Amino acid sequence: VKYGVKLYKVTYKTYFEGDSIVASGTIAVPETNDSKASFPLLSFQHGTITAKADAPSIGYNTNVSNQLMNYVASMGFIVAMPDYIGFGATQSKFHPFMVKQATNSAVIDFIRASKEFIGIDKPVSTNGKLFLAGYSQGATATMGALHAIETELANADIKVTAAAAGGGVYDLNQFRSKVMDVKKYDQPHFLAYVMEAYK
Protein backbone atom coordinates (compact mmCIF):
# COMPACT_ATOMS: atom_id res chain seq x y z
CA VAL A 1 0.00 0.00 0.00
CA LYS A 2 1.54 3.26 -1.16
CA TYR A 3 -1.43 5.64 -1.35
CA GLY A 4 -4.68 6.51 0.28
CA VAL A 5 -7.69 6.00 -2.00
CA LYS A 6 -10.57 8.26 -2.91
CA LEU A 7 -13.74 6.78 -4.44
CA TYR A 8 -16.02 8.47 -6.94
CA LYS A 9 -19.43 7.35 -8.12
CA VAL A 10 -19.72 8.28 -11.79
CA THR A 11 -22.75 8.17 -14.07
CA TYR A 12 -22.42 7.93 -17.83
CA LYS A 13 -24.42 7.22 -20.96
CA THR A 14 -24.44 3.84 -22.66
CA TYR A 15 -26.78 1.88 -24.92
CA PHE A 16 -29.14 -0.91 -23.96
CA GLU A 17 -31.72 -2.51 -26.24
CA GLY A 18 -31.38 0.34 -28.73
CA ASP A 19 -31.85 3.17 -26.22
CA SER A 20 -29.44 5.55 -24.55
CA ILE A 21 -29.53 5.03 -20.78
CA VAL A 22 -27.67 6.45 -17.78
CA ALA A 23 -25.54 3.80 -16.09
CA SER A 24 -23.07 4.02 -13.21
CA GLY A 25 -19.80 2.76 -11.84
CA THR A 26 -17.06 3.54 -9.36
CA ILE A 27 -13.60 5.01 -9.87
CA ALA A 28 -10.93 4.52 -7.20
CA VAL A 29 -8.12 7.05 -7.38
CA PRO A 30 -4.78 7.05 -5.53
CA GLU A 31 -4.38 10.13 -3.35
CA THR A 32 -1.08 11.95 -3.71
CA ASN A 33 0.39 15.41 -3.21
CA ASP A 34 2.95 14.79 -5.94
CA SER A 35 1.83 16.99 -8.85
CA LYS A 36 4.11 15.06 -11.22
CA ALA A 37 2.65 11.64 -10.41
CA SER A 38 0.65 9.91 -13.12
CA PHE A 39 -1.05 6.53 -12.99
CA PRO A 40 -2.31 3.86 -15.40
CA LEU A 41 -6.04 3.21 -15.74
CA LEU A 42 -7.30 -0.28 -14.91
CA SER A 43 -10.80 -1.19 -16.07
CA PHE A 44 -11.74 -3.93 -13.61
CA GLN A 45 -14.82 -6.01 -14.40
CA HIS A 46 -16.37 -7.57 -11.29
CA GLY A 47 -17.61 -11.13 -10.97
CA THR A 48 -21.22 -12.30 -10.86
CA ILE A 49 -23.46 -10.53 -8.37
CA THR A 50 -27.19 -10.94 -7.85
CA ALA A 51 -27.94 -8.48 -5.03
CA LYS A 52 -28.52 -4.86 -6.00
CA ALA A 53 -26.66 -3.83 -2.82
CA ASP A 54 -23.46 -5.41 -4.16
CA ALA A 55 -23.13 -3.04 -7.13
CA PRO A 56 -19.72 -1.31 -7.04
CA SER A 57 -21.30 2.16 -6.79
CA ILE A 58 -23.47 1.07 -3.84
CA GLY A 59 -21.66 -1.70 -1.91
CA TYR A 60 -18.35 0.09 -1.36
CA ASN A 61 -17.31 -2.09 1.56
CA THR A 62 -19.45 -5.22 1.21
CA ASN A 63 -18.15 -6.63 -2.05
CA VAL A 64 -14.86 -8.53 -2.48
CA SER A 65 -14.36 -6.88 -5.89
CA ASN A 66 -14.69 -3.44 -4.29
CA GLN A 67 -12.11 -4.32 -1.66
CA LEU A 68 -9.75 -5.55 -4.38
CA MET A 69 -10.38 -2.34 -6.35
CA ASN A 70 -9.38 -0.25 -3.33
CA TYR A 71 -6.24 -2.30 -2.74
CA VAL A 72 -5.11 -2.08 -6.38
CA ALA A 73 -5.74 1.69 -6.38
CA SER A 74 -3.62 2.02 -3.24
CA MET A 75 -0.71 0.49 -5.19
CA GLY A 76 -0.87 3.19 -7.87
CA PHE A 77 -3.66 2.49 -10.35
CA ILE A 78 -6.75 4.46 -11.26
CA VAL A 79 -9.35 1.68 -11.07
CA ALA A 80 -12.64 1.96 -12.94
CA MET A 81 -15.36 -0.61 -12.21
CA PRO A 82 -18.70 -0.42 -14.03
CA ASP A 83 -21.80 -1.64 -12.21
CA TYR A 84 -23.10 -3.39 -15.38
CA ILE A 85 -26.62 -2.81 -16.60
CA GLY A 86 -29.19 -3.94 -14.05
CA PHE A 87 -27.24 -2.55 -11.09
CA GLY A 88 -26.56 0.90 -9.67
CA ALA A 89 -28.26 3.62 -11.73
CA THR A 90 -29.93 0.98 -13.94
CA GLN A 91 -31.19 -1.32 -11.19
CA SER A 92 -34.77 -1.08 -12.48
CA LYS A 93 -33.68 -3.22 -15.46
CA PHE A 94 -33.03 -6.95 -15.33
CA HIS A 95 -29.29 -7.59 -15.58
CA PRO A 96 -28.43 -8.98 -19.05
CA PHE A 97 -26.20 -11.68 -17.54
CA MET A 98 -23.71 -13.02 -20.10
CA VAL A 99 -25.22 -10.94 -22.93
CA LYS A 100 -22.09 -9.84 -24.77
CA GLN A 101 -23.26 -6.66 -26.53
CA ALA A 102 -24.91 -5.16 -23.44
CA THR A 103 -21.87 -5.92 -21.31
CA ASN A 104 -19.42 -4.61 -23.92
CA SER A 105 -21.30 -1.31 -24.14
CA ALA A 106 -21.33 -0.84 -20.37
CA VAL A 107 -17.61 -1.61 -20.01
CA ILE A 108 -16.32 0.33 -23.02
CA ASP A 109 -18.48 3.39 -22.39
CA PHE A 110 -17.35 3.41 -18.75
CA ILE A 111 -13.72 3.39 -19.88
CA ARG A 112 -14.48 6.50 -21.95
CA ALA A 113 -16.39 8.09 -19.07
CA SER A 114 -13.51 7.37 -16.68
CA LYS A 115 -11.01 9.02 -19.00
CA GLU A 116 -13.32 12.02 -19.36
CA PHE A 117 -13.80 12.23 -15.58
CA ILE A 118 -10.03 12.15 -14.97
CA GLY A 119 -9.47 14.73 -17.71
CA ILE A 120 -12.11 17.17 -16.47
CA ASP A 121 -12.15 16.76 -12.67
CA LYS A 122 -8.40 16.06 -12.49
CA PRO A 123 -8.26 14.15 -9.19
CA VAL A 124 -4.94 12.72 -10.53
CA SER A 125 -3.15 12.42 -13.86
CA THR A 126 -3.12 9.35 -16.04
CA ASN A 127 -0.04 8.13 -17.89
CA GLY A 128 -2.14 6.96 -20.85
CA LYS A 129 -1.79 3.22 -20.21
CA LEU A 130 -5.00 1.16 -20.09
CA PHE A 131 -5.29 -2.29 -18.56
CA LEU A 132 -8.33 -4.59 -18.50
CA ALA A 133 -8.89 -7.30 -15.90
CA GLY A 134 -11.61 -9.43 -14.40
CA TYR A 135 -12.50 -12.80 -12.93
CA SER A 136 -15.54 -15.04 -13.44
CA GLN A 137 -18.22 -12.94 -15.16
CA GLY A 138 -15.65 -10.14 -15.07
CA ALA A 139 -13.25 -12.27 -17.13
CA THR A 140 -15.94 -12.88 -19.73
CA ALA A 141 -16.70 -9.14 -19.75
CA THR A 142 -12.99 -8.34 -20.07
CA MET A 143 -12.50 -10.66 -23.05
CA GLY A 144 -15.68 -9.40 -24.72
CA ALA A 145 -14.65 -5.76 -24.30
CA LEU A 146 -11.10 -6.47 -25.48
CA HIS A 147 -12.41 -8.20 -28.60
CA ALA A 148 -14.76 -5.29 -29.34
CA ILE A 149 -11.98 -2.75 -28.80
CA GLU A 150 -9.60 -4.62 -31.10
CA THR A 151 -12.06 -5.41 -33.90
CA GLU A 152 -14.68 -2.64 -34.07
CA LEU A 153 -13.82 0.61 -35.83
CA ALA A 154 -16.06 2.56 -33.43
CA ASN A 155 -13.59 1.72 -30.65
CA ALA A 156 -10.42 2.79 -32.48
CA ASP A 157 -9.99 5.60 -29.92
CA ILE A 158 -9.19 3.05 -27.19
CA LYS A 159 -5.77 1.40 -26.96
CA VAL A 160 -5.23 -1.44 -24.48
CA THR A 161 -1.78 -1.96 -22.96
CA ALA A 162 -2.56 -5.43 -21.56
CA ALA A 163 -5.47 -7.55 -20.36
CA ALA A 164 -5.81 -10.34 -17.79
CA ALA A 165 -8.90 -12.53 -17.58
CA GLY A 166 -9.32 -15.49 -15.26
CA GLY A 167 -12.01 -18.12 -14.86
CA GLY A 168 -14.61 -16.78 -17.27
CA VAL A 169 -17.22 -18.51 -19.40
CA TYR A 170 -15.85 -17.97 -22.88
CA ASP A 171 -18.11 -20.39 -24.76
CA LEU A 172 -21.72 -20.58 -23.57
CA ASN A 173 -22.52 -23.53 -25.83
CA GLN A 174 -19.61 -25.55 -24.42
CA PHE A 175 -20.62 -24.52 -20.90
CA ARG A 176 -24.20 -25.65 -21.55
CA SER A 177 -23.00 -28.99 -22.89
CA LYS A 178 -20.81 -29.56 -19.86
CA VAL A 179 -23.60 -28.72 -17.42
CA MET A 180 -26.09 -30.98 -19.21
CA ASP A 181 -23.63 -33.89 -19.03
CA VAL A 182 -23.15 -33.84 -15.27
CA LYS A 183 -25.47 -35.67 -12.87
CA LYS A 184 -25.39 -32.90 -10.31
CA TYR A 185 -24.77 -29.16 -10.81
CA ASP A 186 -24.39 -27.25 -7.56
CA GLN A 187 -25.04 -23.74 -8.89
CA PRO A 188 -28.36 -23.92 -10.78
CA HIS A 189 -29.05 -20.21 -10.20
CA PHE A 190 -26.51 -19.44 -12.95
CA LEU A 191 -28.67 -21.32 -15.47
CA ALA A 192 -31.80 -19.42 -14.45
CA TYR A 193 -29.85 -16.15 -14.60
CA VAL A 194 -28.72 -16.84 -18.17
CA MET A 195 -32.17 -17.99 -19.35
CA GLU A 196 -33.93 -14.97 -17.87
CA ALA A 197 -31.31 -12.60 -19.32
CA TYR A 198 -31.63 -14.05 -22.82
CA LYS A 199 -35.44 -14.09 -22.60
C-alpha atoms as a PDB file:
ATOM      1  CA  VAL A   1       0.000   0.000   0.000  1.00  0.00           C
ATOM      2  CA  LYS A   2       1.535   3.260  -1.155  1.00  0.00           C
ATOM      3  CA  TYR A   3      -1.431   5.641  -1.352  1.00  0.00           C
ATOM      4  CA  GLY A   4      -4.681   6.506   0.277  1.00  0.00           C
ATOM      5  CA  VAL A   5      -7.690   6.001  -1.998  1.00  0.00           C
ATOM      6  CA  LYS A   6     -10.573   8.265  -2.907  1.00  0.00           C
ATOM      7  CA  LEU A   7     -13.738   6.782  -4.436  1.00  0.00           C
ATOM      8  CA  TYR A   8     -16.018   8.472  -6.937  1.00  0.00           C
ATOM      9  CA  LYS A   9     -19.430   7.345  -8.123  1.00  0.00           C
ATOM     10  CA  VAL A  10     -19.716   8.278 -11.792  1.00  0.00           C
ATOM     11  CA  THR A  11     -22.748   8.168 -14.070  1.00  0.00           C
ATOM     12  CA  TYR A  12     -22.416   7.927 -17.827  1.00  0.00           C
ATOM     13  CA  LYS A  13     -24.417   7.217 -20.956  1.00  0.00           C
ATOM     14  CA  THR A  14     -24.437   3.844 -22.655  1.00  0.00           C
ATOM     15  CA  TYR A  15     -26.777   1.878 -24.917  1.00  0.00           C
ATOM     16  CA  PHE A  16     -29.138  -0.906 -23.962  1.00  0.00           C
ATOM     17  CA  GLU A  17     -31.722  -2.505 -26.239  1.00  0.00           C
ATOM     18  CA  GLY A  18     -31.377   0.344 -28.733  1.00  0.00           C
ATOM     19  CA  ASP A  19     -31.850   3.167 -26.225  1.00  0.00           C
ATOM     20  CA  SER A  20     -29.436   5.547 -24.552  1.00  0.00           C
ATOM     21  CA  ILE A  21     -29.527   5.034 -20.781  1.00  0.00           C
ATOM     22  CA  VAL A  22     -27.668   6.447 -17.785  1.00  0.00           C
ATOM     23  CA  ALA A  23     -25.537   3.802 -16.088  1.00  0.00           C
ATOM     24  CA  SER A  24     -23.073   4.017 -13.208  1.00  0.00           C
ATOM     25  CA  GLY A  25     -19.798   2.764 -11.841  1.00  0.00           C
ATOM     26  CA  THR A  26     -17.055   3.536  -9.361  1.00  0.00           C
ATOM     27  CA  ILE A  27     -13.604   5.006  -9.870  1.00  0.00           C
ATOM     28  CA  ALA A  28     -10.933   4.518  -7.202  1.00  0.00           C
ATOM     29  CA  VAL A  29      -8.124   7.055  -7.377  1.00  0.00           C
ATOM     30  CA  PRO A  30      -4.776   7.049  -5.529  1.00  0.00           C
ATOM     31  CA  GLU A  31      -4.384  10.131  -3.355  1.00  0.00           C
ATOM     32  CA  THR A  32      -1.077  11.953  -3.706  1.00  0.00           C
ATOM     33  CA  ASN A  33       0.390  15.414  -3.208  1.00  0.00           C
ATOM     34  CA  ASP A  34       2.950  14.789  -5.943  1.00  0.00           C
ATOM     35  CA  SER A  35       1.832  16.988  -8.852  1.00  0.00           C
ATOM     36  CA  LYS A  36       4.107  15.063 -11.219  1.00  0.00           C
ATOM     37  CA  ALA A  37       2.646  11.642 -10.408  1.00  0.00           C
ATOM     38  CA  SER A  38       0.652   9.907 -13.119  1.00  0.00           C
ATOM     39  CA  PHE A  39      -1.054   6.527 -12.987  1.00  0.00           C
ATOM     40  CA  PRO A  40      -2.307   3.864 -15.395  1.00  0.00           C
ATOM     41  CA  LEU A  41      -6.036   3.213 -15.743  1.00  0.00           C
ATOM     42  CA  LEU A  42      -7.303  -0.283 -14.913  1.00  0.00           C
ATOM     43  CA  SER A  43     -10.804  -1.194 -16.069  1.00  0.00           C
ATOM     44  CA  PHE A  44     -11.742  -3.935 -13.614  1.00  0.00           C
ATOM     45  CA  GLN A  45     -14.821  -6.008 -14.398  1.00  0.00           C
ATOM     46  CA  HIS A  46     -16.368  -7.573 -11.293  1.00  0.00           C
ATOM     47  CA  GLY A  47     -17.615 -11.135 -10.973  1.00  0.00           C
ATOM     48  CA  THR A  48     -21.220 -12.296 -10.864  1.00  0.00           C
ATOM     49  CA  ILE A  49     -23.462 -10.534  -8.375  1.00  0.00           C
ATOM     50  CA  THR A  50     -27.193 -10.938  -7.849  1.00  0.00           C
ATOM     51  CA  ALA A  51     -27.937  -8.477  -5.029  1.00  0.00           C
ATOM     52  CA  LYS A  52     -28.524  -4.855  -6.001  1.00  0.00           C
ATOM     53  CA  ALA A  53     -26.660  -3.828  -2.818  1.00  0.00           C
ATOM     54  CA  ASP A  54     -23.456  -5.411  -4.158  1.00  0.00           C
ATOM     55  CA  ALA A  55     -23.128  -3.040  -7.132  1.00  0.00           C
ATOM     56  CA  PRO A  56     -19.723  -1.308  -7.040  1.00  0.00           C
ATOM     57  CA  SER A  57     -21.302   2.158  -6.787  1.00  0.00           C
ATOM     58  CA  ILE A  58     -23.473   1.067  -3.838  1.00  0.00           C
ATOM     59  CA  GLY A  59     -21.663  -1.700  -1.910  1.00  0.00           C
ATOM     60  CA  TYR A  60     -18.348   0.089  -1.355  1.00  0.00           C
ATOM     61  CA  ASN A  61     -17.310  -2.093   1.565  1.00  0.00           C
ATOM     62  CA  THR A  62     -19.448  -5.217   1.206  1.00  0.00           C
ATOM     63  CA  ASN A  63     -18.149  -6.631  -2.046  1.00  0.00           C
ATOM     64  CA  VAL A  64     -14.860  -8.531  -2.481  1.00  0.00           C
ATOM     65  CA  SER A  65     -14.359  -6.880  -5.887  1.00  0.00           C
ATOM     66  CA  ASN A  66     -14.688  -3.440  -4.294  1.00  0.00           C
ATOM     67  CA  GLN A  67     -12.114  -4.321  -1.661  1.00  0.00           C
ATOM     68  CA  LEU A  68      -9.753  -5.548  -4.380  1.00  0.00           C
ATOM     69  CA  MET A  69     -10.380  -2.336  -6.352  1.00  0.00           C
ATOM     70  CA  ASN A  70      -9.379  -0.251  -3.326  1.00  0.00           C
ATOM     71  CA  TYR A  71      -6.243  -2.302  -2.739  1.00  0.00           C
ATOM     72  CA  VAL A  72      -5.110  -2.079  -6.384  1.00  0.00           C
ATOM     73  CA  ALA A  73      -5.744   1.685  -6.383  1.00  0.00           C
ATOM     74  CA  SER A  74      -3.615   2.015  -3.244  1.00  0.00           C
ATOM     75  CA  MET A  75      -0.713   0.487  -5.189  1.00  0.00           C
ATOM     76  CA  GLY A  76      -0.865   3.190  -7.866  1.00  0.00           C
ATOM     77  CA  PHE A  77      -3.662   2.489 -10.347  1.00  0.00           C
ATOM     78  CA  ILE A  78      -6.747   4.460 -11.257  1.00  0.00           C
ATOM     79  CA  VAL A  79      -9.350   1.683 -11.066  1.00  0.00           C
ATOM     80  CA  ALA A  80     -12.643   1.962 -12.936  1.00  0.00           C
ATOM     81  CA  MET A  81     -15.356  -0.615 -12.208  1.00  0.00           C
ATOM     82  CA  PRO A  82     -18.699  -0.424 -14.028  1.00  0.00           C
ATOM     83  CA  ASP A  83     -21.803  -1.637 -12.206  1.00  0.00           C
ATOM     84  CA  TYR A  84     -23.097  -3.393 -15.378  1.00  0.00           C
ATOM     85  CA  ILE A  85     -26.615  -2.806 -16.595  1.00  0.00           C
ATOM     86  CA  GLY A  86     -29.186  -3.944 -14.050  1.00  0.00           C
ATOM     87  CA  PHE A  87     -27.241  -2.550 -11.087  1.00  0.00           C
ATOM     88  CA  GLY A  88     -26.556   0.904  -9.671  1.00  0.00           C
ATOM     89  CA  ALA A  89     -28.262   3.622 -11.729  1.00  0.00           C
ATOM     90  CA  THR A  90     -29.929   0.975 -13.937  1.00  0.00           C
ATOM     91  CA  GLN A  91     -31.186  -1.319 -11.189  1.00  0.00           C
ATOM     92  CA  SER A  92     -34.767  -1.083 -12.476  1.00  0.00           C
ATOM     93  CA  LYS A  93     -33.684  -3.217 -15.457  1.00  0.00           C
ATOM     94  CA  PHE A  94     -33.030  -6.949 -15.333  1.00  0.00           C
ATOM     95  CA  HIS A  95     -29.292  -7.587 -15.581  1.00  0.00           C
ATOM     96  CA  PRO A  96     -28.431  -8.982 -19.054  1.00  0.00           C
ATOM     97  CA  PHE A  97     -26.201 -11.684 -17.540  1.00  0.00           C
ATOM     98  CA  MET A  98     -23.709 -13.023 -20.098  1.00  0.00           C
ATOM     99  CA  VAL A  99     -25.219 -10.943 -22.929  1.00  0.00           C
ATOM    100  CA  LYS A 100     -22.094  -9.841 -24.774  1.00  0.00           C
ATOM    101  CA  GLN A 101     -23.259  -6.658 -26.528  1.00  0.00           C
ATOM    102  CA  ALA A 102     -24.911  -5.155 -23.441  1.00  0.00           C
ATOM    103  CA  THR A 103     -21.866  -5.920 -21.309  1.00  0.00           C
ATOM    104  CA  ASN A 104     -19.417  -4.605 -23.920  1.00  0.00           C
ATOM    105  CA  SER A 105     -21.301  -1.309 -24.138  1.00  0.00           C
ATOM    106  CA  ALA A 106     -21.333  -0.843 -20.371  1.00  0.00           C
ATOM    107  CA  VAL A 107     -17.609  -1.608 -20.011  1.00  0.00           C
ATOM    108  CA  ILE A 108     -16.321   0.333 -23.020  1.00  0.00           C
ATOM    109  CA  ASP A 109     -18.478   3.387 -22.392  1.00  0.00           C
ATOM    110  CA  PHE A 110     -17.353   3.408 -18.750  1.00  0.00           C
ATOM    111  CA  ILE A 111     -13.721   3.389 -19.880  1.00  0.00           C
ATOM    112  CA  ARG A 112     -14.475   6.500 -21.945  1.00  0.00           C
ATOM    113  CA  ALA A 113     -16.390   8.090 -19.072  1.00  0.00           C
ATOM    114  CA  SER A 114     -13.515   7.373 -16.683  1.00  0.00           C
ATOM    115  CA  LYS A 115     -11.009   9.025 -19.003  1.00  0.00           C
ATOM    116  CA  GLU A 116     -13.317  12.017 -19.356  1.00  0.00           C
ATOM    117  CA  PHE A 117     -13.805  12.234 -15.582  1.00  0.00           C
ATOM    118  CA  ILE A 118     -10.031  12.154 -14.968  1.00  0.00           C
ATOM    119  CA  GLY A 119      -9.473  14.726 -17.705  1.00  0.00           C
ATOM    120  CA  ILE A 120     -12.110  17.173 -16.473  1.00  0.00           C
ATOM    121  CA  ASP A 121     -12.145  16.763 -12.670  1.00  0.00           C
ATOM    122  CA  LYS A 122      -8.395  16.055 -12.493  1.00  0.00           C
ATOM    123  CA  PRO A 123      -8.259  14.153  -9.188  1.00  0.00           C
ATOM    124  CA  VAL A 124      -4.942  12.717 -10.529  1.00  0.00           C
ATOM    125  CA  SER A 125      -3.153  12.424 -13.859  1.00  0.00           C
ATOM    126  CA  THR A 126      -3.124   9.350 -16.042  1.00  0.00           C
ATOM    127  CA  ASN A 127      -0.036   8.135 -17.889  1.00  0.00           C
ATOM    128  CA  GLY A 128      -2.136   6.964 -20.850  1.00  0.00           C
ATOM    129  CA  LYS A 129      -1.788   3.225 -20.210  1.00  0.00           C
ATOM    130  CA  LEU A 130      -4.996   1.165 -20.090  1.00  0.00           C
ATOM    131  CA  PHE A 131      -5.294  -2.286 -18.562  1.00  0.00           C
ATOM    132  CA  LEU A 132      -8.333  -4.592 -18.503  1.00  0.00           C
ATOM    133  CA  ALA A 133      -8.886  -7.301 -15.896  1.00  0.00           C
ATOM    134  CA  GLY A 134     -11.615  -9.434 -14.397  1.00  0.00           C
ATOM    135  CA  TYR A 135     -12.501 -12.799 -12.932  1.00  0.00           C
ATOM    136  CA  SER A 136     -15.544 -15.038 -13.437  1.00  0.00           C
ATOM    137  CA  GLN A 137     -18.218 -12.940 -15.156  1.00  0.00           C
ATOM    138  CA  GLY A 138     -15.654 -10.142 -15.073  1.00  0.00           C
ATOM    139  CA  ALA A 139     -13.252 -12.273 -17.126  1.00  0.00           C
ATOM    140  CA  THR A 140     -15.937 -12.879 -19.727  1.00  0.00           C
ATOM    141  CA  ALA A 141     -16.699  -9.136 -19.748  1.00  0.00           C
ATOM    142  CA  THR A 142     -12.987  -8.345 -20.073  1.00  0.00           C
ATOM    143  CA  MET A 143     -12.496 -10.659 -23.045  1.00  0.00           C
ATOM    144  CA  GLY A 144     -15.676  -9.395 -24.724  1.00  0.00           C
ATOM    145  CA  ALA A 145     -14.649  -5.764 -24.300  1.00  0.00           C
ATOM    146  CA  LEU A 146     -11.097  -6.475 -25.475  1.00  0.00           C
ATOM    147  CA  HIS A 147     -12.415  -8.203 -28.596  1.00  0.00           C
ATOM    148  CA  ALA A 148     -14.761  -5.287 -29.344  1.00  0.00           C
ATOM    149  CA  ILE A 149     -11.976  -2.749 -28.799  1.00  0.00           C
ATOM    150  CA  GLU A 150      -9.595  -4.621 -31.100  1.00  0.00           C
ATOM    151  CA  THR A 151     -12.061  -5.408 -33.902  1.00  0.00           C
ATOM    152  CA  GLU A 152     -14.681  -2.640 -34.073  1.00  0.00           C
ATOM    153  CA  LEU A 153     -13.823   0.608 -35.835  1.00  0.00           C
ATOM    154  CA  ALA A 154     -16.057   2.562 -33.435  1.00  0.00           C
ATOM    155  CA  ASN A 155     -13.593   1.723 -30.653  1.00  0.00           C
ATOM    156  CA  ALA A 156     -10.420   2.789 -32.479  1.00  0.00           C
ATOM    157  CA  ASP A 157      -9.990   5.602 -29.921  1.00  0.00           C
ATOM    158  CA  ILE A 158      -9.190   3.051 -27.185  1.00  0.00           C
ATOM    159  CA  LYS A 159      -5.771   1.399 -26.962  1.00  0.00           C
ATOM    160  CA  VAL A 160      -5.229  -1.443 -24.481  1.00  0.00           C
ATOM    161  CA  THR A 161      -1.783  -1.963 -22.957  1.00  0.00           C
ATOM    162  CA  ALA A 162      -2.562  -5.429 -21.556  1.00  0.00           C
ATOM    163  CA  ALA A 163      -5.472  -7.555 -20.363  1.00  0.00           C
ATOM    164  CA  ALA A 164      -5.805 -10.341 -17.794  1.00  0.00           C
ATOM    165  CA  ALA A 165      -8.896 -12.531 -17.577  1.00  0.00           C
ATOM    166  CA  GLY A 166      -9.316 -15.492 -15.264  1.00  0.00           C
ATOM    167  CA  GLY A 167     -12.005 -18.120 -14.856  1.00  0.00           C
ATOM    168  CA  GLY A 168     -14.613 -16.783 -17.272  1.00  0.00           C
ATOM    169  CA  VAL A 169     -17.222 -18.515 -19.404  1.00  0.00           C
ATOM    170  CA  TYR A 170     -15.846 -17.968 -22.880  1.00  0.00           C
ATOM    171  CA  ASP A 171     -18.109 -20.390 -24.760  1.00  0.00           C
ATOM    172  CA  LEU A 172     -21.716 -20.576 -23.574  1.00  0.00           C
ATOM    173  CA  ASN A 173     -22.518 -23.525 -25.832  1.00  0.00           C
ATOM    174  CA  GLN A 174     -19.614 -25.546 -24.420  1.00  0.00           C
ATOM    175  CA  PHE A 175     -20.621 -24.522 -20.897  1.00  0.00           C
ATOM    176  CA  ARG A 176     -24.205 -25.648 -21.545  1.00  0.00           C
ATOM    177  CA  SER A 177     -22.999 -28.989 -22.890  1.00  0.00           C
ATOM    178  CA  LYS A 178     -20.808 -29.562 -19.857  1.00  0.00           C
ATOM    179  CA  VAL A 179     -23.600 -28.716 -17.416  1.00  0.00           C
ATOM    180  CA  MET A 180     -26.089 -30.979 -19.206  1.00  0.00           C
ATOM    181  CA  ASP A 181     -23.630 -33.893 -19.031  1.00  0.00           C
ATOM    182  CA  VAL A 182     -23.146 -33.839 -15.270  1.00  0.00           C
ATOM    183  CA  LYS A 183     -25.468 -35.668 -12.875  1.00  0.00           C
ATOM    184  CA  LYS A 184     -25.392 -32.895 -10.309  1.00  0.00           C
ATOM    185  CA  TYR A 185     -24.770 -29.165 -10.812  1.00  0.00           C
ATOM    186  CA  ASP A 186     -24.389 -27.247  -7.565  1.00  0.00           C
ATOM    187  CA  GLN A 187     -25.039 -23.736  -8.893  1.00  0.00           C
ATOM    188  CA  PRO A 188     -28.361 -23.920 -10.776  1.00  0.00           C
ATOM    189  CA  HIS A 189     -29.051 -20.213 -10.202  1.00  0.00           C
ATOM    190  CA  PHE A 190     -26.513 -19.442 -12.947  1.00  0.00           C
ATOM    191  CA  LEU A 191     -28.673 -21.317 -15.471  1.00  0.00           C
ATOM    192  CA  ALA A 192     -31.801 -19.422 -14.450  1.00  0.00           C
ATOM    193  CA  TYR A 193     -29.850 -16.151 -14.599  1.00  0.00           C
ATOM    194  CA  VAL A 194     -28.721 -16.842 -18.173  1.00  0.00           C
ATOM    195  CA  MET A 195     -32.174 -17.988 -19.346  1.00  0.00           C
ATOM    196  CA  GLU A 196     -33.929 -14.975 -17.866  1.00  0.00           C
ATOM    197  CA  ALA A 197     -31.314 -12.596 -19.323  1.00  0.00           C
ATOM    198  CA  TYR A 198     -31.633 -14.047 -22.823  1.00  0.00           C
ATOM    199  CA  LYS A 199     -35.438 -14.086 -22.603  1.00  0.00           C
END
